[in-house]
Amino acid sequence: MTHPPRLPLLAGLLLAVGAGLAIPVQGRINGALGARLDDGFAAALISFGTGLVLMILISLVLPKGRAGLVRIIPAVRNRAFPRLYVMAGGIGALFVIAQSSTIGVLGVALFTVAVVTGQTLSGLLVDRLGIGPAGKRPVTGIRVIGCVLTIAAVAWAVSPRFAGGGAASAAGGGVTGAAGVSGGPETLILPLLLPVLAGFLMSFQQAMNGTATVTYGTPIAATLVNFVAGSLVLTIVWGLKVAWWGTGNPLPPDWWYYLGGPMGCVFIGLGALLVRSLGVLITGLGMIAGQLLGSLGLDLLFPAPGTVVAAATVLGTLLTLAAIVLATLPWPRGAFRR
């Protein structure tokens, strides 16, 4: 079995940023679909379902996809990795559930900061524990500084949206769209915990998918299993929702509403491939940078109603890129020790 090759740092980081660009696009599409259906859970299930169909087709058509497909069951049966890893897609399902159920309360800006905070902190932890295929990576002072700067930069980039009036725009998605934060601090504590938890678990998801990719020999199989698990979880959740509250509006005929799943295939597949070369933390930081760049591009080219591109958004995005460069440069050993 041939393992996926390790990529040079610069090439891997550029791919991570490119993968992150797909996240706000997916958020914009899924948010618009949820608003059209009046059912965020159905929109999440459709996103995972279309992604699953695409991954099945890729797995059957491409030679590497077929080769990885036949390795899935033997790898799980022989415990090539902990069997819990096949449920990594459930973390993705938790993320879209958090997105659909808390953005209306928190606003897009606070939701984004909560997710990035959880993901950045867990990236340090996962690398330190060596859960991913890259093995253990030390928690150095410069990596901690890079993480703190990343969280601060993201908060700065989305700060203009904290003051935005009105309810959260469902069409905004990602970190785009205007959103105000309603209610006092005591009413936000519980809603904040869900996106922080979802972000915290995302690093574990990337590590699990990366380990599975090494075992299968291709990220195609790992991404397929990810979408199977996520679709299963969301089918159960949506079924419970229908039993209690009924269905939403009919499916829209416009084709672009169904591109959220393919966008998910891009960043899940690339994330699974990159963690072996970059580690979980740097992969996550690169995708965060891509997310901010993609959101800024959407705001400039296809702005949602009420969106305003402020100087803080541009400067915060640039600071995020600087923080990632700081965390990834090959600093001399002991350079930041007193």
Foldseek 3Di string as FASTA:
>chain_A
DAAQDFDDPVVLLVLLLVLLLLQQVLFLLLLVQCVVQVHLLVSLLLLLVLLLVVLVVCLVPDPLSVLLVVLVVVCCVVCVDPVCLLLLLQLVLLQSVLVVPQCQAAPLLLLQLLLLLLQQVLLQVCQCCQLALQGHDHDDPLSVQLSVLLSVLSNLLLVVLQPFDDTHRSSRTQSAGHHYHDDDPVVCPVSSVSSNVSSNSVLVSLRSLLSSSRSSNASSSSLSSSSVSSSVVSVVVVVVVCVVPNTGHDRDPDPSSSCSNVSVSSNSSSSSNSCNNQNSNLSSLSSSLSSLVSNVVCCVPPHDPRTDRDPSNVVSSVSSVVSSCSNPDPDPPPPPPD
